Amino acid sequence: MKNALIYYQQKQKEKTSESINIVNKIIKVLQKEDYKIMGVYIDKYNNQIEFMELIQEIPSHLNQLFIEYLPEDEFNQQILNELAKTENFEIRYFSEIDF
């Protein structure tokens, strides 16, 4: 079993219920692929509160972090990429999942 975290940022004008439906679909697919979901972080559009919490709480036994895309700002991209290297986890994209 692989350990995974999910980070999702809402799109502009996306309803919370739509975001939850998308994340639930991702969770179902990952569970079928033998992933243990260790946590889900959802930010509102143009907000990174949950992202900041995520990067402060990366568990040592994480295998993969699933995200839609890397953060837009270069600083957070570098932080996430460096964390992936030092904590030995892989960044995967929603586009790799058939949901």
PDB file of N, CA and C in Angstrom:
ATOM      1  N   MET A   1       0.846  -1.182   0.000  1.00  0.00           N
ATOM      2  CA  MET A   1       0.000   0.000   0.000  1.00  0.00           C
ATOM      3  C   MET A   1       0.891   1.245   0.000  1.00  0.00           C
ATOM      4  N   LYS A   2       0.542   2.200  -0.850  1.00  0.00           N
ATOM      5  CA  LYS A   2       1.285   3.453  -0.947  1.00  0.00           C
ATOM      6  C   LYS A   2       0.537   4.546  -0.187  1.00  0.00           C
ATOM      7  N   ASN A   3       1.287   5.440   0.422  1.00  0.00           N
ATOM      8  CA  ASN A   3       0.716   6.558   1.180  1.00  0.00           C
ATOM      9  C   ASN A   3       0.667   7.810   0.315  1.00  0.00           C
ATOM     10  N   ALA A   4      -0.478   8.482   0.325  1.00  0.00           N
ATOM     11  CA  ALA A   4      -0.650   9.651  -0.536  1.00  0.00           C
ATOM     12  C   ALA A   4      -1.351  10.790   0.204  1.00  0.00           C
ATOM     13  N   LEU A   5      -0.998  12.007  -0.207  1.00  0.00           N
ATOM     14  CA  LEU A   5      -1.702  13.227   0.182  1.00  0.00           C
ATOM     15  C   LEU A   5      -2.288  13.832  -1.081  1.00  0.00           C
ATOM     16  N   ILE A   6      -3.374  14.575  -0.914  1.00  0.00           N
ATOM     17  CA  ILE A   6      -4.009  15.255  -2.036  1.00  0.00           C
ATOM     18  C   ILE A   6      -4.090  16.740  -1.702  1.00  0.00           C
ATOM     19  N   TYR A   7      -3.659  17.562  -2.660  1.00  0.00           N
ATOM     20  CA  TYR A   7      -3.821  19.009  -2.522  1.00  0.00           C
ATOM     21  C   TYR A   7      -4.630  19.502  -3.713  1.00  0.00           C
ATOM     22  N   TYR A   8      -5.698  20.242  -3.415  1.00  0.00           N
ATOM     23  CA  TYR A   8      -6.572  20.765  -4.462  1.00  0.00           C
ATOM     24  C   TYR A   8      -6.828  22.241  -4.208  1.00  0.00           C
ATOM     25  N   GLN A   9      -6.701  23.044  -5.263  1.00  0.00           N
ATOM     26  CA  GLN A   9      -7.040  24.460  -5.158  1.00  0.00           C
ATOM     27  C   GLN A   9      -8.242  24.730  -6.061  1.00  0.00           C
ATOM     28  N   GLN A  10      -9.281  25.299  -5.463  1.00  0.00           N
ATOM     29  CA  GLN A  10     -10.494  25.578  -6.220  1.00  0.00           C
ATOM     30  C   GLN A  10     -10.209  26.532  -7.370  1.00  0.00           C
ATOM     31  N   LYS A  11     -10.975  26.355  -8.418  1.00  0.00           N
ATOM     32  CA  LYS A  11     -10.904  27.286  -9.532  1.00  0.00           C
ATOM     33  C   LYS A  11     -11.788  28.495  -9.223  1.00  0.00           C
ATOM     34  N   GLN A  12     -11.541  29.559  -9.946  1.00  0.00           N
ATOM     35  CA  GLN A  12     -12.338  30.765  -9.741  1.00  0.00           C
ATOM     36  C   GLN A  12     -13.810  30.443  -9.983  1.00  0.00           C
ATOM     37  N   LYS A  13     -14.672  30.871  -9.095  1.00  0.00           N
ATOM     38  CA  LYS A  13     -16.124  30.677  -9.148  1.00  0.00           C
ATOM     39  C   LYS A  13     -16.562  29.222  -9.001  1.00  0.00           C
ATOM     40  N   GLU A  14     -15.657  28.335  -8.613  1.00  0.00           N
ATOM     41  CA  GLU A  14     -16.034  26.941  -8.394  1.00  0.00           C
ATOM     42  C   GLU A  14     -16.718  26.804  -7.034  1.00  0.00           C
ATOM     43  N   LYS A  15     -17.809  26.107  -7.009  1.00  0.00           N
ATOM     44  CA  LYS A  15     -18.539  25.888  -5.764  1.00  0.00           C
ATOM     45  C   LYS A  15     -17.815  24.847  -4.921  1.00  0.00           C
ATOM     46  N   THR A  16     -17.966  24.974  -3.611  1.00  0.00           N
ATOM     47  CA  THR A  16     -17.343  24.022  -2.698  1.00  0.00           C
ATOM     48  C   THR A  16     -17.813  22.601  -2.988  1.00  0.00           C
ATOM     49  N   SER A  17     -19.081  22.442  -3.280  1.00  0.00           N
ATOM     50  CA  SER A  17     -19.619  21.105  -3.571  1.00  0.00           C
ATOM     51  C   SER A  17     -18.956  20.493  -4.811  1.00  0.00           C
ATOM     52  N   GLU A  18     -18.640  21.322  -5.808  1.00  0.00           N
ATOM     53  CA  GLU A  18     -17.951  20.829  -7.006  1.00  0.00           C
ATOM     54  C   GLU A  18     -16.543  20.357  -6.656  1.00  0.00           C
ATOM     55  N   SER A  19     -15.856  21.130  -5.824  1.00  0.00           N
ATOM     56  CA  SER A  19     -14.511  20.769  -5.401  1.00  0.00           C
ATOM     57  C   SER A  19     -14.512  19.452  -4.646  1.00  0.00           C
ATOM     58  N   ILE A  20     -15.471  19.310  -3.747  1.00  0.00           N
ATOM     59  CA  ILE A  20     -15.561  18.087  -2.956  1.00  0.00           C
ATOM     60  C   ILE A  20     -15.850  16.889  -3.855  1.00  0.00           C
ATOM     61  N   ASN A  21     -16.708  17.051  -4.844  1.00  0.00           N
ATOM     62  CA  ASN A  21     -16.993  15.957  -5.783  1.00  0.00           C
ATOM     63  C   ASN A  21     -15.749  15.531  -6.540  1.00  0.00           C
ATOM     64  N   ILE A  22     -14.959  16.488  -6.996  1.00  0.00           N
ATOM     65  CA  ILE A  22     -13.723  16.179  -7.715  1.00  0.00           C
ATOM     66  C   ILE A  22     -12.758  15.425  -6.818  1.00  0.00           C
ATOM     67  N   VAL A  23     -12.562  15.925  -5.612  1.00  0.00           N
ATOM     68  CA  VAL A  23     -11.636  15.280  -4.675  1.00  0.00           C
ATOM     69  C   VAL A  23     -12.123  13.878  -4.322  1.00  0.00           C
ATOM     70  N   ASN A  24     -13.418  13.708  -4.129  1.00  0.00           N
ATOM     71  CA  ASN A  24     -13.958  12.376  -3.824  1.00  0.00           C
ATOM     72  C   ASN A  24     -13.715  11.389  -4.963  1.00  0.00           C
ATOM     73  N   LYS A  25     -13.835  11.853  -6.197  1.00  0.00           N
ATOM     74  CA  LYS A  25     -13.547  10.990  -7.351  1.00  0.00           C
ATOM     75  C   LYS A  25     -12.080  10.575  -7.359  1.00  0.00           C
ATOM     76  N   ILE A  26     -11.201  11.517  -7.065  1.00  0.00           N
ATOM     77  CA  ILE A  26      -9.769  11.216  -7.015  1.00  0.00           C
ATOM     78  C   ILE A  26      -9.483  10.197  -5.920  1.00  0.00           C
ATOM     79  N   ILE A  27     -10.084  10.387  -4.765  1.00  0.00           N
ATOM     80  CA  ILE A  27      -9.879   9.461  -3.642  1.00  0.00           C
ATOM     81  C   ILE A  27     -10.319   8.053  -4.031  1.00  0.00           C
ATOM     82  N   LYS A  28     -11.486   7.916  -4.657  1.00  0.00           N
ATOM     83  CA  LYS A  28     -11.981   6.599  -5.055  1.00  0.00           C
ATOM     84  C   LYS A  28     -11.016   5.898  -6.006  1.00  0.00           C
ATOM     85  N   VAL A  29     -10.510   6.634  -6.979  1.00  0.00           N
ATOM     86  CA  VAL A  29      -9.569   6.045  -7.934  1.00  0.00           C
ATOM     87  C   VAL A  29      -8.287   5.611  -7.223  1.00  0.00           C
ATOM     88  N   LEU A  30      -7.762   6.461  -6.372  1.00  0.00           N
ATOM     89  CA  LEU A  30      -6.519   6.138  -5.678  1.00  0.00           C
ATOM     90  C   LEU A  30      -6.698   4.951  -4.733  1.00  0.00           C
ATOM     91  N   GLN A  31      -7.826   4.876  -4.063  1.00  0.00           N
ATOM     92  CA  GLN A  31      -8.064   3.740  -3.170  1.00  0.00           C
ATOM     93  C   GLN A  31      -8.145   2.432  -3.955  1.00  0.00           C
ATOM     94  N   LYS A  32      -8.714   2.470  -5.144  1.00  0.00           N
ATOM     95  CA  LYS A  32      -8.757   1.274  -5.995  1.00  0.00           C
ATOM     96  C   LYS A  32      -7.354   0.869  -6.426  1.00  0.00           C
ATOM     97  N   GLU A  33      -6.450   1.843  -6.509  1.00  0.00           N
ATOM     98  CA  GLU A  33      -5.064   1.575  -6.896  1.00  0.00           C
ATOM     99  C   GLU A  33      -4.187   1.298  -5.683  1.00  0.00           C
ATOM    100  N   ASP A  34      -4.805   0.992  -4.552  1.00  0.00           N
ATOM    101  CA  ASP A  34      -4.116   0.580  -3.329  1.00  0.00           C
ATOM    102  C   ASP A  34      -3.330   1.702  -2.657  1.00  0.00           C
ATOM    103  N   TYR A  35      -3.888   2.901  -2.674  1.00  0.00           N
ATOM    104  CA  TYR A  35      -3.300   4.029  -1.949  1.00  0.00           C
ATOM    105  C   TYR A  35      -4.026   4.210  -0.619  1.00  0.00           C
ATOM    106  N   LYS A  36      -3.280   4.549   0.399  1.00  0.00           N
ATOM    107  CA  LYS A  36      -3.856   4.990   1.665  1.00  0.00           C
ATOM    108  C   LYS A  36      -3.814   6.517   1.631  1.00  0.00           C
ATOM    109  N   ILE A  37      -4.962   7.163   1.752  1.00  0.00           N
ATOM    110  CA  ILE A  37      -5.033   8.624   1.722  1.00  0.00           C
ATOM    111  C   ILE A  37      -4.733   9.134   3.124  1.00  0.00           C
ATOM    112  N   MET A  38      -3.617   9.817   3.258  1.00  0.00           N
ATOM    113  CA  MET A  38      -3.160  10.313   4.556  1.00  0.00           C
ATOM    114  C   MET A  38      -3.740  11.677   4.894  1.00  0.00           C
ATOM    115  N   GLY A  39      -4.244  12.376   3.897  1.00  0.00           N
ATOM    116  CA  GLY A  39      -4.810  13.696   4.138  1.00  0.00           C
ATOM    117  C   GLY A  39      -5.222  14.359   2.841  1.00  0.00           C
ATOM    118  N   VAL A  40      -6.155  15.292   2.974  1.00  0.00           N
ATOM    119  CA  VAL A  40      -6.643  16.072   1.834  1.00  0.00           C
ATOM    120  C   VAL A  40      -6.617  17.538   2.244  1.00  0.00           C
ATOM    121  N   TYR A  41      -6.028  18.357   1.399  1.00  0.00           N
ATOM    122  CA  TYR A  41      -5.927  19.800   1.646  1.00  0.00           C
ATOM    123  C   TYR A  41      -6.599  20.517   0.487  1.00  0.00           C
ATOM    124  N   ILE A  42      -7.555  21.385   0.807  1.00  0.00           N
ATOM    125  CA  ILE A  42      -8.294  22.118  -0.220  1.00  0.00           C
ATOM    126  C   ILE A  42      -8.217  23.608   0.095  1.00  0.00           C
ATOM    127  N   ASP A  43      -7.731  24.370  -0.880  1.00  0.00           N
ATOM    128  CA  ASP A  43      -7.684  25.825  -0.760  1.00  0.00           C
ATOM    129  C   ASP A  43      -8.724  26.452  -1.664  1.00  0.00           C
ATOM    130  N   LYS A  44      -9.234  27.578  -1.232  1.00  0.00           N
ATOM    131  CA  LYS A  44     -10.099  28.380  -2.088  1.00  0.00           C
ATOM    132  C   LYS A  44      -9.237  29.010  -3.188  1.00  0.00           C
ATOM    133  N   TYR A  45      -9.887  29.480  -4.216  1.00  0.00           N
ATOM    134  CA  TYR A  45      -9.189  30.136  -5.312  1.00  0.00           C
ATOM    135  C   TYR A  45      -8.322  31.282  -4.784  1.00  0.00           C
ATOM    136  N   ASN A  46      -7.100  31.344  -5.275  1.00  0.00           N
ATOM    137  CA  ASN A  46      -6.156  32.412  -4.918  1.00  0.00           C
ATOM    138  C   ASN A  46      -5.808  32.434  -3.432  1.00  0.00           C
ATOM    139  N   ASN A  47      -5.843  31.300  -2.783  1.00  0.00           N
ATOM    140  CA  ASN A  47      -5.552  31.190  -1.368  1.00  0.00           C
ATOM    141  C   ASN A  47      -4.571  30.037  -1.181  1.00  0.00           C
ATOM    142  N   GLN A  48      -3.663  30.138  -0.230  1.00  0.00           N
ATOM    143  CA  GLN A  48      -2.684  29.074  -0.031  1.00  0.00           C
ATOM    144  C   GLN A  48      -2.534  28.698   1.444  1.00  0.00           C
ATOM    145  N   ILE A  49      -3.559  28.906   2.227  1.00  0.00           N
ATOM    146  CA  ILE A  49      -3.483  28.571   3.645  1.00  0.00           C
ATOM    147  C   ILE A  49      -3.266  27.075   3.835  1.00  0.00           C
ATOM    148  N   GLU A  50      -4.055  26.267   3.157  1.00  0.00           N
ATOM    149  CA  GLU A  50      -3.916  24.811   3.274  1.00  0.00           C
ATOM    150  C   GLU A  50      -2.597  24.329   2.674  1.00  0.00           C
ATOM    151  N   PHE A  51      -2.148  24.975   1.609  1.00  0.00           N
ATOM    152  CA  PHE A  51      -0.859  24.620   1.016  1.00  0.00           C
ATOM    153  C   PHE A  51       0.259  24.828   2.031  1.00  0.00           C
ATOM    154  N   MET A  52       0.231  25.953   2.727  1.00  0.00           N
ATOM    155  CA  MET A  52       1.257  26.235   3.734  1.00  0.00           C
ATOM    156  C   MET A  52       1.208  25.207   4.861  1.00  0.00           C
ATOM    157  N   GLU A  53       0.005  24.827   5.242  1.00  0.00           N
ATOM    158  CA  GLU A  53      -0.129  23.797   6.276  1.00  0.00           C
ATOM    159  C   GLU A  53       0.433  22.464   5.779  1.00  0.00           C
ATOM    160  N   LEU A  54       0.142  22.145   4.538  1.00  0.00           N
ATOM    161  CA  LEU A  54       0.628  20.904   3.937  1.00  0.00           C
ATOM    162  C   LEU A  54       2.149  20.822   3.964  1.00  0.00           C
ATOM    163  N   ILE A  55       2.820  21.884   3.523  1.00  0.00           N
ATOM    164  CA  ILE A  55       4.279  21.806   3.447  1.00  0.00           C
ATOM    165  C   ILE A  55       4.940  21.795   4.819  1.00  0.00           C
ATOM    166  N   GLN A  56       4.213  22.204   5.845  1.00  0.00           N
ATOM    167  CA  GLN A  56       4.755  22.155   7.205  1.00  0.00           C
ATOM    168  C   GLN A  56       4.527  20.801   7.859  1.00  0.00           C
ATOM    169  N   GLU A  57       3.618  19.995   7.313  1.00  0.00           N
ATOM    170  CA  GLU A  57       3.223  18.747   7.959  1.00  0.00           C
ATOM    171  C   GLU A  57       3.452  17.511   7.099  1.00  0.00           C
ATOM    172  N   ILE A  58       4.390  17.543   6.166  1.00  0.00           N
ATOM    173  CA  ILE A  58       4.629  16.389   5.306  1.00  0.00           C
ATOM    174  C   ILE A  58       5.071  15.203   6.177  1.00  0.00           C
ATOM    175  N   PRO A  59       4.303  14.105   6.161  1.00  0.00           N
ATOM    176  CA  PRO A  59       4.703  12.945   6.959  1.00  0.00           C
ATOM    177  C   PRO A  59       5.922  12.246   6.352  1.00  0.00           C
ATOM    178  N   SER A  60       6.740  11.681   7.190  1.00  0.00           N
ATOM    179  CA  SER A  60       7.987  11.059   6.726  1.00  0.00           C
ATOM    180  C   SER A  60       7.732   9.815   5.876  1.00  0.00           C
ATOM    181  N   HIS A  61       6.589   9.185   6.002  1.00  0.00           N
ATOM    182  CA  HIS A  61       6.314   7.966   5.241  1.00  0.00           C
ATOM    183  C   HIS A  61       5.399   8.218   4.030  1.00  0.00           C
ATOM    184  N   LEU A  62       5.384   9.455   3.554  1.00  0.00           N
ATOM    185  CA  LEU A  62       4.607   9.801   2.364  1.00  0.00           C
ATOM    186  C   LEU A  62       5.317   9.270   1.121  1.00  0.00           C
ATOM    187  N   ASN A  63       4.538   8.638   0.221  1.00  0.00           N
ATOM    188  CA  ASN A  63       5.091   8.167  -1.048  1.00  0.00           C
ATOM    189  C   ASN A  63       4.807   9.136  -2.198  1.00  0.00           C
ATOM    190  N   GLN A  64       3.568   9.663  -2.224  1.00  0.00           N
ATOM    191  CA  GLN A  64       3.193  10.521  -3.344  1.00  0.00           C
ATOM    192  C   GLN A  64       2.245  11.632  -2.891  1.00  0.00           C
ATOM    193  N   LEU A  65       2.472  12.797  -3.488  1.00  0.00           N
ATOM    194  CA  LEU A  65       1.591  13.945  -3.306  1.00  0.00           C
ATOM    195  C   LEU A  65       0.891  14.179  -4.636  1.00  0.00           C
ATOM    196  N   PHE A  66      -0.429  14.159  -4.623  1.00  0.00           N
ATOM    197  CA  PHE A  66      -1.211  14.386  -5.835  1.00  0.00           C
ATOM    198  C   PHE A  66      -1.716  15.821  -5.843  1.00  0.00           C
ATOM    199  N   ILE A  67      -1.413  16.535  -6.936  1.00  0.00           N
ATOM    200  CA  ILE A  67      -1.830  17.924  -7.110  1.00  0.00           C
ATOM    201  C   ILE A  67      -2.285  18.121  -8.555  1.00  0.00           C
ATOM    202  N   GLU A  68      -3.045  19.184  -8.765  1.00  0.00           N
ATOM    203  CA  GLU A  68      -3.477  19.469 -10.139  1.00  0.00           C
ATOM    204  C   GLU A  68      -2.334  20.091 -10.943  1.00  0.00           C
ATOM    205  N   TYR A  69      -1.599  20.974 -10.304  1.00  0.00           N
ATOM    206  CA  TYR A  69      -0.464  21.644 -10.937  1.00  0.00           C
ATOM    207  C   TYR A  69       0.409  22.223  -9.831  1.00  0.00           C
ATOM    208  N   LEU A  70       1.630  22.550 -10.161  1.00  0.00           N
ATOM    209  CA  LEU A  70       2.521  23.183  -9.189  1.00  0.00           C
ATOM    210  C   LEU A  70       2.012  24.584  -8.876  1.00  0.00           C
ATOM    211  N   PRO A  71       2.316  25.095  -7.694  1.00  0.00           N
ATOM    212  CA  PRO A  71       1.921  26.474  -7.375  1.00  0.00           C
ATOM    213  C   PRO A  71       2.451  27.440  -8.431  1.00  0.00           C
ATOM    214  N   GLU A  72       1.724  28.513  -8.659  1.00  0.00           N
ATOM    215  CA  GLU A  72       2.102  29.467  -9.703  1.00  0.00           C
ATOM    216  C   GLU A  72       3.357  30.260  -9.359  1.00  0.00           C
ATOM    217  N   ASP A  73       3.568  30.526  -8.074  1.00  0.00           N
ATOM    218  CA  ASP A  73       4.741  31.321  -7.732  1.00  0.00           C
ATOM    219  C   ASP A  73       5.977  30.421  -7.603  1.00  0.00           C
ATOM    220  N   GLU A  74       7.077  30.936  -8.089  1.00  0.00           N
ATOM    221  CA  GLU A  74       8.320  30.164  -8.159  1.00  0.00           C
ATOM    222  C   GLU A  74       8.835  29.747  -6.780  1.00  0.00           C
ATOM    223  N   PHE A  75       8.660  30.592  -5.790  1.00  0.00           N
ATOM    224  CA  PHE A  75       9.131  30.277  -4.441  1.00  0.00           C
ATOM    225  C   PHE A  75       8.475  29.002  -3.915  1.00  0.00           C
ATOM    226  N   ASN A  76       7.147  28.912  -4.009  1.00  0.00           N
ATOM    227  CA  ASN A  76       6.450  27.726  -3.522  1.00  0.00           C
ATOM    228  C   ASN A  76       6.733  26.495  -4.383  1.00  0.00           C
ATOM    229  N   GLN A  77       6.971  26.688  -5.657  1.00  0.00           N
ATOM    230  CA  GLN A  77       7.385  25.574  -6.519  1.00  0.00           C
ATOM    231  C   GLN A  77       8.697  24.985  -6.022  1.00  0.00           C
ATOM    232  N   GLN A  78       9.651  25.866  -5.730  1.00  0.00           N
ATOM    233  CA  GLN A  78      10.956  25.412  -5.255  1.00  0.00           C
ATOM    234  C   GLN A  78      10.847  24.717  -3.905  1.00  0.00           C
ATOM    235  N   ILE A  79      10.040  25.261  -3.010  1.00  0.00           N
ATOM    236  CA  ILE A  79       9.851  24.631  -1.699  1.00  0.00           C
ATOM    237  C   ILE A  79       9.299  23.220  -1.875  1.00  0.00           C
ATOM    238  N   LEU A  80       8.271  23.090  -2.683  1.00  0.00           N
ATOM    239  CA  LEU A  80       7.641  21.788  -2.884  1.00  0.00           C
ATOM    240  C   LEU A  80       8.609  20.793  -3.530  1.00  0.00           C
ATOM    241  N   ASN A  81       9.336  21.244  -4.534  1.00  0.00           N
ATOM    242  CA  ASN A  81      10.303  20.352  -5.193  1.00  0.00           C
ATOM    243  C   ASN A  81      11.425  19.932  -4.252  1.00  0.00           C
ATOM    244  N   GLU A  82      11.899  20.854  -3.440  1.00  0.00           N
ATOM    245  CA  GLU A  82      12.956  20.512  -2.470  1.00  0.00           C
ATOM    246  C   GLU A  82      12.435  19.562  -1.391  1.00  0.00           C
ATOM    247  N   LEU A  83      11.216  19.790  -0.934  1.00  0.00           N
ATOM    248  CA  LEU A  83      10.619  18.869   0.040  1.00  0.00           C
ATOM    249  C   LEU A  83      10.501  17.466  -0.542  1.00  0.00           C
ATOM    250  N   ALA A  84      10.099  17.380  -1.804  1.00  0.00           N
ATOM    251  CA  ALA A  84       9.981  16.070  -2.453  1.00  0.00           C
ATOM    252  C   ALA A  84      11.324  15.358  -2.474  1.00  0.00           C
ATOM    253  N   LYS A  85      12.385  16.089  -2.718  1.00  0.00           N
ATOM    254  CA  LYS A  85      13.728  15.492  -2.732  1.00  0.00           C
ATOM    255  C   LYS A  85      14.167  15.066  -1.331  1.00  0.00           C
ATOM    256  N   THR A  86      14.054  15.977  -0.374  1.00  0.00           N
ATOM    257  CA  THR A  86      14.569  15.686   0.968  1.00  0.00           C
ATOM    258  C   THR A  86      13.713  14.671   1.719  1.00  0.00           C
ATOM    259  N   GLU A  87      12.400  14.689   1.493  1.00  0.00           N
ATOM    260  CA  GLU A  87      11.503  13.759   2.191  1.00  0.00           C
ATOM    261  C   GLU A  87      11.221  12.504   1.370  1.00  0.00           C
ATOM    262  N   ASN A  88      11.798  12.451   0.178  1.00  0.00           N
ATOM    263  CA  ASN A  88      11.736  11.264  -0.680  1.00  0.00           C
ATOM    264  C   ASN A  88      10.300  10.867  -1.061  1.00  0.00           C
ATOM    265  N   PHE A  89       9.527  11.836  -1.578  1.00  0.00           N
ATOM    266  CA  PHE A  89       8.214  11.519  -2.114  1.00  0.00           C
ATOM    267  C   PHE A  89       8.114  12.058  -3.535  1.00  0.00           C
ATOM    268  N   GLU A  90       7.164  11.534  -4.264  1.00  0.00           N
ATOM    269  CA  GLU A  90       6.966  11.891  -5.664  1.00  0.00           C
ATOM    270  C   GLU A  90       5.775  12.825  -5.792  1.00  0.00           C
ATOM    271  N   ILE A  91       5.909  13.827  -6.648  1.00  0.00           N
ATOM    272  CA  ILE A  91       4.792  14.722  -6.962  1.00  0.00           C
ATOM    273  C   ILE A  91       4.107  14.163  -8.204  1.00  0.00           C
ATOM    274  N   ARG A  92       2.818  13.884  -8.068  1.00  0.00           N
ATOM    275  CA  ARG A  92       2.036  13.356  -9.182  1.00  0.00           C
ATOM    276  C   ARG A  92       0.911  14.338  -9.484  1.00  0.00           C
ATOM    277  N   TYR A  93       0.433  14.307 -10.716  1.00  0.00           N
ATOM    278  CA  TYR A  93      -0.573  15.263 -11.162  1.00  0.00           C
ATOM    279  C   TYR A  93      -1.914  14.581 -11.425  1.00  0.00           C
ATOM    280  N   PHE A  94      -2.997  15.319 -11.203  1.00  0.00           N
ATOM    281  CA  PHE A  94      -4.329  14.779 -11.434  1.00  0.00           C
ATOM    282  C   PHE A  94      -4.484  14.284 -12.866  1.00  0.00           C
ATOM    283  N   SER A  95      -3.781  14.900 -13.807  1.00  0.00           N
ATOM    284  CA  SER A  95      -3.877  14.484 -15.213  1.00  0.00           C
ATOM    285  C   SER A  95      -3.389  13.049 -15.423  1.00  0.00           C
ATOM    286  N   GLU A  96      -2.674  12.500 -14.457  1.00  0.00           N
ATOM    287  CA  GLU A  96      -2.197  11.113 -14.542  1.00  0.00           C
ATOM    288  C   GLU A  96      -3.245  10.116 -14.061  1.00  0.00           C
ATOM    289  N   ILE A  97      -4.347  10.618 -13.527  1.00  0.00           N
ATOM    290  CA  ILE A  97      -5.393   9.780 -12.948  1.00  0.00           C
ATOM    291  C   ILE A  97      -6.601   9.813 -13.869  1.00  0.00           C
ATOM    292  N   ASP A  98      -7.187   8.659 -14.116  1.00  0.00           N
ATOM    293  CA  ASP A  98      -8.390   8.588 -14.924  1.00  0.00           C
ATOM    294  C   ASP A  98      -9.604   8.621 -14.013  1.00  0.00           C
ATOM    295  N   PHE A  99     -10.140   9.825 -13.779  1.00  0.00           N
ATOM    296  CA  PHE A  99     -11.303   9.947 -12.888  1.00  0.00           C
ATOM    297  C   PHE A  99     -12.446  10.677 -13.548  1.00  0.00           C
TER     298      PHE A  99
END
